[in-house]
Amino acid sequence: MEYTVSLAVVDFLPVIFSAIGFYFVVHMVTHIDEKQGKIAAIGAVLTVVGGLIKAIWKLNIAATGNDIRWMDDGMFAWMAPGYTIMAWSIWQAVRSVRGKKTFHIWLIPALISALTLASSFYLVTSAPESLAWKRVLLSVMVLASIITSVLLIIFAFRQKLTLAGVLFVVNLIIIFVMNGLARMPEQTITLQWIEESINSISWLCFAIASYKIYEHTHKTFGLD
């Protein structure tokens, strides 16, 4: 797969938009439950770092032709636990809003993340020629990211934040579309420009929706 420098630079836009969105999501959770907000912050940092490393890898390979494999593959090791932690903290915040019991703030997401990373590490050391280790991380990342999106969608519509809910839905749909486009065997430069443009729009929608729910929770719960 070939990348141009301009295309690689554009790849930073989804990272920037997602970082903005997660910033507001973290503050949304914090307004509801300060302890869960700290958990969400950890998950957000891990997730954004994973995307940033991938974008830097793409820029590096476009500019120098040097393929640093750990930067490409390492994205999943950051984003799998990142999304797992984010999904957990958002779920707990949503339960808190509905007056339901919340659970231990660290135990379950930490356990799932540890098991995921340990399983992946075992597979890559025992069978380095196999891609099973990557499939483990990818599966957890995809599942956790979908859960995160669904929880945000449900929360937005329950709070009668229609615009935010619709934008989160658009973001989730485009994620599935991007997955389909990425599976196409011939990744031409034109196709990649289309993918990056759509992906940037997707995460811009996420950032706007995240700001809307942050603004709502700030007014409703009045916590900083």
C-alpha atoms as a PDB file:
ATOM      1  CA  MET A   1       0.000   0.000   0.000  1.00  0.00           C
ATOM      2  CA  GLU A   2       1.336   3.425  -0.996  1.00  0.00           C
ATOM      3  CA  TYR A   3       0.885   6.684   0.880  1.00  0.00           C
ATOM      4  CA  THR A   4       1.583  10.260  -0.125  1.00  0.00           C
ATOM      5  CA  VAL A   5       2.792  12.812   2.407  1.00  0.00           C
ATOM      6  CA  SER A   6      -0.316  14.961   1.925  1.00  0.00           C
ATOM      7  CA  LEU A   7      -2.552  11.948   2.480  1.00  0.00           C
ATOM      8  CA  ALA A   8      -0.596  11.008   5.604  1.00  0.00           C
ATOM      9  CA  VAL A   9      -0.957  14.551   6.978  1.00  0.00           C
ATOM     10  CA  VAL A  10      -4.738  14.427   6.470  1.00  0.00           C
ATOM     11  CA  ASP A  11      -4.749  11.216   8.510  1.00  0.00           C
ATOM     12  CA  PHE A  12      -4.053  13.348  11.588  1.00  0.00           C
ATOM     13  CA  LEU A  13      -7.477  15.026  11.282  1.00  0.00           C
ATOM     14  CA  PRO A  14      -9.466  12.023  12.599  1.00  0.00           C
ATOM     15  CA  VAL A  15      -6.980  11.760  15.474  1.00  0.00           C
ATOM     16  CA  ILE A  16      -7.443  15.437  16.341  1.00  0.00           C
ATOM     17  CA  PHE A  17     -11.244  15.265  16.082  1.00  0.00           C
ATOM     18  CA  SER A  18     -11.420  12.067  18.121  1.00  0.00           C
ATOM     19  CA  ALA A  19      -9.137  13.585  20.779  1.00  0.00           C
ATOM     20  CA  ILE A  20     -11.452  16.610  21.024  1.00  0.00           C
ATOM     21  CA  GLY A  21     -14.460  14.319  21.235  1.00  0.00           C
ATOM     22  CA  PHE A  22     -12.955  12.118  23.937  1.00  0.00           C
ATOM     23  CA  TYR A  23     -11.953  15.224  25.890  1.00  0.00           C
ATOM     24  CA  PHE A  24     -15.597  16.235  26.093  1.00  0.00           C
ATOM     25  CA  VAL A  25     -16.733  12.664  26.813  1.00  0.00           C
ATOM     26  CA  VAL A  26     -14.293  12.476  29.728  1.00  0.00           C
ATOM     27  CA  HIS A  27     -15.656  15.730  31.124  1.00  0.00           C
ATOM     28  CA  MET A  28     -19.201  14.494  30.579  1.00  0.00           C
ATOM     29  CA  VAL A  29     -18.454  11.406  32.657  1.00  0.00           C
ATOM     30  CA  THR A  30     -16.660  13.532  35.267  1.00  0.00           C
ATOM     31  CA  HIS A  31     -19.726  15.736  35.721  1.00  0.00           C
ATOM     32  CA  ILE A  32     -21.728  12.618  36.523  1.00  0.00           C
ATOM     33  CA  ASP A  33     -19.144  10.681  38.542  1.00  0.00           C
ATOM     34  CA  GLU A  34     -15.738  12.188  39.296  1.00  0.00           C
ATOM     35  CA  LYS A  35     -14.066   8.814  39.963  1.00  0.00           C
ATOM     36  CA  GLN A  36     -15.343   7.339  36.717  1.00  0.00           C
ATOM     37  CA  GLY A  37     -14.122  10.476  34.965  1.00  0.00           C
ATOM     38  CA  LYS A  38     -10.569   9.614  35.969  1.00  0.00           C
ATOM     39  CA  ILE A  39     -11.035   6.126  34.528  1.00  0.00           C
ATOM     40  CA  ALA A  40     -12.443   7.587  31.309  1.00  0.00           C
ATOM     41  CA  ALA A  41      -9.423   9.904  31.032  1.00  0.00           C
ATOM     42  CA  ILE A  42      -7.050   6.937  31.087  1.00  0.00           C
ATOM     43  CA  GLY A  43      -9.062   5.157  28.416  1.00  0.00           C
ATOM     44  CA  ALA A  44      -9.202   8.292  26.256  1.00  0.00           C
ATOM     45  CA  VAL A  45      -5.435   8.844  26.458  1.00  0.00           C
ATOM     46  CA  LEU A  46      -4.694   5.222  25.499  1.00  0.00           C
ATOM     47  CA  THR A  47      -7.115   5.360  22.575  1.00  0.00           C
ATOM     48  CA  VAL A  48      -5.812   8.654  21.206  1.00  0.00           C
ATOM     49  CA  VAL A  49      -2.180   7.556  21.600  1.00  0.00           C
ATOM     50  CA  GLY A  50      -2.966   4.454  19.537  1.00  0.00           C
ATOM     51  CA  GLY A  51      -4.451   6.540  16.736  1.00  0.00           C
ATOM     52  CA  LEU A  52      -1.596   9.054  16.911  1.00  0.00           C
ATOM     53  CA  ILE A  53       1.044   6.338  16.618  1.00  0.00           C
ATOM     54  CA  LYS A  54      -0.727   4.964  13.541  1.00  0.00           C
ATOM     55  CA  ALA A  55      -0.854   8.435  11.950  1.00  0.00           C
ATOM     56  CA  ILE A  56       2.856   9.029  12.676  1.00  0.00           C
ATOM     57  CA  TRP A  57       3.659   5.621  11.168  1.00  0.00           C
ATOM     58  CA  LYS A  58       1.797   6.522   7.992  1.00  0.00           C
ATOM     59  CA  LEU A  59       3.546   9.903   7.734  1.00  0.00           C
ATOM     60  CA  ASN A  60       6.936   8.291   8.320  1.00  0.00           C
ATOM     61  CA  ILE A  61       6.429   5.620   5.675  1.00  0.00           C
ATOM     62  CA  ALA A  62       5.177   8.232   3.184  1.00  0.00           C
ATOM     63  CA  ALA A  63       8.132  10.552   3.815  1.00  0.00           C
ATOM     64  CA  THR A  64      10.957   8.050   4.212  1.00  0.00           C
ATOM     65  CA  GLY A  65       9.664   4.682   3.028  1.00  0.00           C
ATOM     66  CA  ASN A  66      10.811   3.198   6.337  1.00  0.00           C
ATOM     67  CA  ASP A  67       8.168   0.773   7.623  1.00  0.00           C
ATOM     68  CA  ILE A  68       8.366   0.646  11.428  1.00  0.00           C
ATOM     69  CA  ARG A  69       6.165  -2.370  12.087  1.00  0.00           C
ATOM     70  CA  TRP A  70       5.689  -1.904  15.819  1.00  0.00           C
ATOM     71  CA  MET A  71       4.096   1.493  15.149  1.00  0.00           C
ATOM     72  CA  ASP A  72       1.605  -0.009  12.716  1.00  0.00           C
ATOM     73  CA  ASP A  73       0.773  -3.106  14.755  1.00  0.00           C
ATOM     74  CA  GLY A  74       1.126  -1.408  18.132  1.00  0.00           C
ATOM     75  CA  MET A  75      -1.994   0.696  17.568  1.00  0.00           C
ATOM     76  CA  PHE A  76      -4.183  -2.202  18.662  1.00  0.00           C
ATOM     77  CA  ALA A  77      -2.259  -2.711  21.907  1.00  0.00           C
ATOM     78  CA  TRP A  78      -3.153   0.857  22.908  1.00  0.00           C
ATOM     79  CA  MET A  79      -6.685   1.073  21.565  1.00  0.00           C
ATOM     80  CA  ALA A  80      -8.018  -2.289  22.790  1.00  0.00           C
ATOM     81  CA  PRO A  81      -7.583  -1.464  26.511  1.00  0.00           C
ATOM     82  CA  GLY A  82      -8.349   2.199  25.802  1.00  0.00           C
ATOM     83  CA  TYR A  83     -11.781   1.511  24.371  1.00  0.00           C
ATOM     84  CA  THR A  84     -12.447  -1.153  27.012  1.00  0.00           C
ATOM     85  CA  ILE A  85     -11.840   1.367  29.784  1.00  0.00           C
ATOM     86  CA  MET A  86     -13.864   4.050  27.990  1.00  0.00           C
ATOM     87  CA  ALA A  87     -16.825   1.710  27.487  1.00  0.00           C
ATOM     88  CA  TRP A  88     -16.768   0.726  31.153  1.00  0.00           C
ATOM     89  CA  SER A  89     -16.640   4.289  32.500  1.00  0.00           C
ATOM     90  CA  ILE A  90     -19.410   5.496  30.173  1.00  0.00           C
ATOM     91  CA  TRP A  91     -21.582   2.528  31.150  1.00  0.00           C
ATOM     92  CA  GLN A  92     -21.109   3.307  34.826  1.00  0.00           C
ATOM     93  CA  ALA A  93     -21.930   6.979  34.240  1.00  0.00           C
ATOM     94  CA  VAL A  94     -25.106   6.061  32.363  1.00  0.00           C
ATOM     95  CA  ARG A  95     -26.135   3.715  35.185  1.00  0.00           C
ATOM     96  CA  SER A  96     -25.495   6.477  37.703  1.00  0.00           C
ATOM     97  CA  VAL A  97     -27.743   8.892  35.799  1.00  0.00           C
ATOM     98  CA  ARG A  98     -30.533   6.306  35.820  1.00  0.00           C
ATOM     99  CA  GLY A  99     -30.142   5.818  39.576  1.00  0.00           C
ATOM    100  CA  LYS A 100     -28.759   2.302  39.242  1.00  0.00           C
ATOM    101  CA  LYS A 101     -25.944   0.748  41.232  1.00  0.00           C
ATOM    102  CA  THR A 102     -22.433   1.260  39.872  1.00  0.00           C
ATOM    103  CA  PHE A 103     -19.637  -1.253  40.248  1.00  0.00           C
ATOM    104  CA  HIS A 104     -15.974  -1.277  41.201  1.00  0.00           C
ATOM    105  CA  ILE A 105     -14.238   1.499  39.278  1.00  0.00           C
ATOM    106  CA  TRP A 106     -11.048  -0.432  38.408  1.00  0.00           C
ATOM    107  CA  LEU A 107     -11.447  -4.178  38.700  1.00  0.00           C
ATOM    108  CA  ILE A 108     -13.384  -5.285  35.617  1.00  0.00           C
ATOM    109  CA  PRO A 109     -11.858  -3.015  32.920  1.00  0.00           C
ATOM    110  CA  ALA A 110      -8.373  -3.626  34.325  1.00  0.00           C
ATOM    111  CA  LEU A 111      -8.956  -7.390  34.323  1.00  0.00           C
ATOM    112  CA  ILE A 112     -10.304  -7.450  30.765  1.00  0.00           C
ATOM    113  CA  SER A 113      -7.417  -5.284  29.522  1.00  0.00           C
ATOM    114  CA  ALA A 114      -4.823  -7.409  31.304  1.00  0.00           C
ATOM    115  CA  LEU A 115      -6.253 -10.665  29.942  1.00  0.00           C
ATOM    116  CA  THR A 116      -6.419  -9.220  26.431  1.00  0.00           C
ATOM    117  CA  LEU A 117      -2.821  -8.019  26.456  1.00  0.00           C
ATOM    118  CA  ALA A 118      -1.566 -11.215  28.122  1.00  0.00           C
ATOM    119  CA  SER A 119      -3.340 -13.412  25.575  1.00  0.00           C
ATOM    120  CA  SER A 120      -1.959 -11.366  22.694  1.00  0.00           C
ATOM    121  CA  PHE A 121       1.565 -11.429  24.134  1.00  0.00           C
ATOM    122  CA  TYR A 122       1.394 -15.216  24.586  1.00  0.00           C
ATOM    123  CA  LEU A 123       0.250 -15.713  20.996  1.00  0.00           C
ATOM    124  CA  VAL A 124       2.896 -13.440  19.481  1.00  0.00           C
ATOM    125  CA  THR A 125       5.694 -15.152  21.441  1.00  0.00           C
ATOM    126  CA  SER A 126       4.480 -18.723  20.926  1.00  0.00           C
ATOM    127  CA  ALA A 127       3.521 -18.350  17.261  1.00  0.00           C
ATOM    128  CA  PRO A 128       5.126 -15.148  15.859  1.00  0.00           C
ATOM    129  CA  GLU A 129       4.292 -16.150  12.279  1.00  0.00           C
ATOM    130  CA  SER A 130       0.572 -16.187  13.083  1.00  0.00           C
ATOM    131  CA  LEU A 131      -1.687 -13.132  13.191  1.00  0.00           C
ATOM    132  CA  ALA A 132      -3.773 -14.587  16.007  1.00  0.00           C
ATOM    133  CA  TRP A 133      -2.319 -12.068  18.471  1.00  0.00           C
ATOM    134  CA  LYS A 134      -3.550  -9.181  16.336  1.00  0.00           C
ATOM    135  CA  ARG A 135      -7.007 -10.720  15.939  1.00  0.00           C
ATOM    136  CA  VAL A 136      -7.391 -10.878  19.721  1.00  0.00           C
ATOM    137  CA  LEU A 137      -6.578  -7.183  20.110  1.00  0.00           C
ATOM    138  CA  LEU A 138      -8.643  -6.202  17.077  1.00  0.00           C
ATOM    139  CA  SER A 139     -11.685  -8.162  18.256  1.00  0.00           C
ATOM    140  CA  VAL A 140     -11.623  -6.556  21.706  1.00  0.00           C
ATOM    141  CA  MET A 141     -11.016  -3.099  20.238  1.00  0.00           C
ATOM    142  CA  VAL A 142     -13.894  -3.371  17.755  1.00  0.00           C
ATOM    143  CA  LEU A 143     -16.330  -4.762  20.331  1.00  0.00           C
ATOM    144  CA  ALA A 144     -15.411  -2.142  22.942  1.00  0.00           C
ATOM    145  CA  SER A 145     -15.576   0.722  20.423  1.00  0.00           C
ATOM    146  CA  ILE A 146     -19.037  -0.384  19.265  1.00  0.00           C
ATOM    147  CA  ILE A 147     -20.234  -0.628  22.865  1.00  0.00           C
ATOM    148  CA  THR A 148     -18.821   2.850  23.550  1.00  0.00           C
ATOM    149  CA  SER A 149     -20.693   4.288  20.563  1.00  0.00           C
ATOM    150  CA  VAL A 150     -23.954   2.515  21.402  1.00  0.00           C
ATOM    151  CA  LEU A 151     -23.833   3.733  25.016  1.00  0.00           C
ATOM    152  CA  LEU A 152     -23.272   7.324  23.862  1.00  0.00           C
ATOM    153  CA  ILE A 153     -26.122   7.030  21.348  1.00  0.00           C
ATOM    154  CA  ILE A 154     -28.520   5.681  23.980  1.00  0.00           C
ATOM    155  CA  PHE A 155     -27.481   8.325  26.506  1.00  0.00           C
ATOM    156  CA  ALA A 156     -27.932  11.142  23.982  1.00  0.00           C
ATOM    157  CA  PHE A 157     -31.427  10.080  22.954  1.00  0.00           C
ATOM    158  CA  ARG A 158     -32.516   9.419  26.554  1.00  0.00           C
ATOM    159  CA  GLN A 159     -31.426  12.943  27.416  1.00  0.00           C
ATOM    160  CA  LYS A 160     -33.404  14.203  24.387  1.00  0.00           C
ATOM    161  CA  LEU A 161     -30.235  15.368  22.664  1.00  0.00           C
ATOM    162  CA  THR A 162     -31.421  14.417  19.189  1.00  0.00           C
ATOM    163  CA  LEU A 163     -28.657  16.134  17.229  1.00  0.00           C
ATOM    164  CA  ALA A 164     -25.950  14.513  19.353  1.00  0.00           C
ATOM    165  CA  GLY A 165     -27.620  11.117  19.018  1.00  0.00           C
ATOM    166  CA  VAL A 166     -27.863  11.406  15.235  1.00  0.00           C
ATOM    167  CA  LEU A 167     -24.225  12.507  14.944  1.00  0.00           C
ATOM    168  CA  PHE A 168     -23.089   9.552  17.073  1.00  0.00           C
ATOM    169  CA  VAL A 169     -25.112   7.260  14.805  1.00  0.00           C
ATOM    170  CA  VAL A 170     -23.454   8.787  11.727  1.00  0.00           C
ATOM    171  CA  ASN A 171     -20.051   8.214  13.322  1.00  0.00           C
ATOM    172  CA  LEU A 172     -20.854   4.566  14.031  1.00  0.00           C
ATOM    173  CA  ILE A 173     -22.238   3.925  10.540  1.00  0.00           C
ATOM    174  CA  ILE A 174     -19.159   5.439   8.907  1.00  0.00           C
ATOM    175  CA  ILE A 175     -16.929   3.260  11.083  1.00  0.00           C
ATOM    176  CA  PHE A 176     -18.634   0.203   9.574  1.00  0.00           C
ATOM    177  CA  VAL A 177     -18.351   1.700   6.080  1.00  0.00           C
ATOM    178  CA  MET A 178     -14.648   2.379   6.627  1.00  0.00           C
ATOM    179  CA  ASN A 179     -14.161  -1.229   7.699  1.00  0.00           C
ATOM    180  CA  GLY A 180     -15.670  -2.375   4.411  1.00  0.00           C
ATOM    181  CA  LEU A 181     -13.575   0.030   2.341  1.00  0.00           C
ATOM    182  CA  ALA A 182     -10.394  -1.043   4.143  1.00  0.00           C
ATOM    183  CA  ARG A 183     -11.048  -4.645   3.087  1.00  0.00           C
ATOM    184  CA  MET A 184     -10.984  -3.772  -0.618  1.00  0.00           C
ATOM    185  CA  PRO A 185      -7.958  -5.490  -2.189  1.00  0.00           C
ATOM    186  CA  GLU A 186      -6.794  -2.541  -4.297  1.00  0.00           C
ATOM    187  CA  GLN A 187      -6.148   0.492  -2.092  1.00  0.00           C
ATOM    188  CA  THR A 188      -5.505   3.198  -4.680  1.00  0.00           C
ATOM    189  CA  ILE A 189      -4.482   6.724  -3.681  1.00  0.00           C
ATOM    190  CA  THR A 190      -7.902   7.986  -4.835  1.00  0.00           C
ATOM    191  CA  LEU A 191      -9.704   5.430  -2.675  1.00  0.00           C
ATOM    192  CA  GLN A 192      -7.546   6.342   0.296  1.00  0.00           C
ATOM    193  CA  TRP A 193      -8.399  10.035  -0.157  1.00  0.00           C
ATOM    194  CA  ILE A 194     -12.073   9.108  -0.121  1.00  0.00           C
ATOM    195  CA  GLU A 195     -11.558   6.997   2.996  1.00  0.00           C
ATOM    196  CA  GLU A 196      -9.663   9.726   4.832  1.00  0.00           C
ATOM    197  CA  SER A 197     -12.235  12.364   3.904  1.00  0.00           C
ATOM    198  CA  ILE A 198     -15.122  10.218   5.114  1.00  0.00           C
ATOM    199  CA  ASN A 199     -13.227   9.254   8.262  1.00  0.00           C
ATOM    200  CA  SER A 200     -12.475  12.902   9.058  1.00  0.00           C
ATOM    201  CA  ILE A 201     -16.157  13.807   8.674  1.00  0.00           C
ATOM    202  CA  SER A 202     -17.077  10.875  10.908  1.00  0.00           C
ATOM    203  CA  TRP A 203     -14.870  11.987  13.776  1.00  0.00           C
ATOM    204  CA  LEU A 204     -15.880  15.616  13.332  1.00  0.00           C
ATOM    205  CA  CYS A 205     -19.458  14.422  13.921  1.00  0.00           C
ATOM    206  CA  PHE A 206     -18.223  12.579  17.011  1.00  0.00           C
ATOM    207  CA  ALA A 207     -16.494  15.708  18.339  1.00  0.00           C
ATOM    208  CA  ILE A 208     -19.592  17.874  17.858  1.00  0.00           C
ATOM    209  CA  ALA A 209     -21.870  15.264  19.443  1.00  0.00           C
ATOM    210  CA  SER A 210     -19.497  14.855  22.378  1.00  0.00           C
ATOM    211  CA  TYR A 211     -19.511  18.604  22.974  1.00  0.00           C
ATOM    212  CA  LYS A 212     -23.320  18.593  22.964  1.00  0.00           C
ATOM    213  CA  ILE A 213     -23.580  15.912  25.652  1.00  0.00           C
ATOM    214  CA  TYR A 214     -20.809  17.561  27.675  1.00  0.00           C
ATOM    215  CA  GLU A 215     -22.660  20.875  27.512  1.00  0.00           C
ATOM    216  CA  HIS A 216     -25.872  19.165  28.640  1.00  0.00           C
ATOM    217  CA  THR A 217     -24.309  17.341  31.578  1.00  0.00           C
ATOM    218  CA  HIS A 218     -22.455  20.488  32.650  1.00  0.00           C
ATOM    219  CA  LYS A 219     -25.744  22.376  32.852  1.00  0.00           C
ATOM    220  CA  THR A 220     -27.700  19.472  34.341  1.00  0.00           C
ATOM    221  CA  PHE A 221     -25.292  18.175  36.977  1.00  0.00           C
ATOM    222  CA  GLY A 222     -23.290  21.322  37.634  1.00  0.00           C
ATOM    223  CA  LEU A 223     -20.071  19.536  38.591  1.00  0.00           C
ATOM    224  CA  ASP A 224     -16.564  20.503  37.482  1.00  0.00           C
END
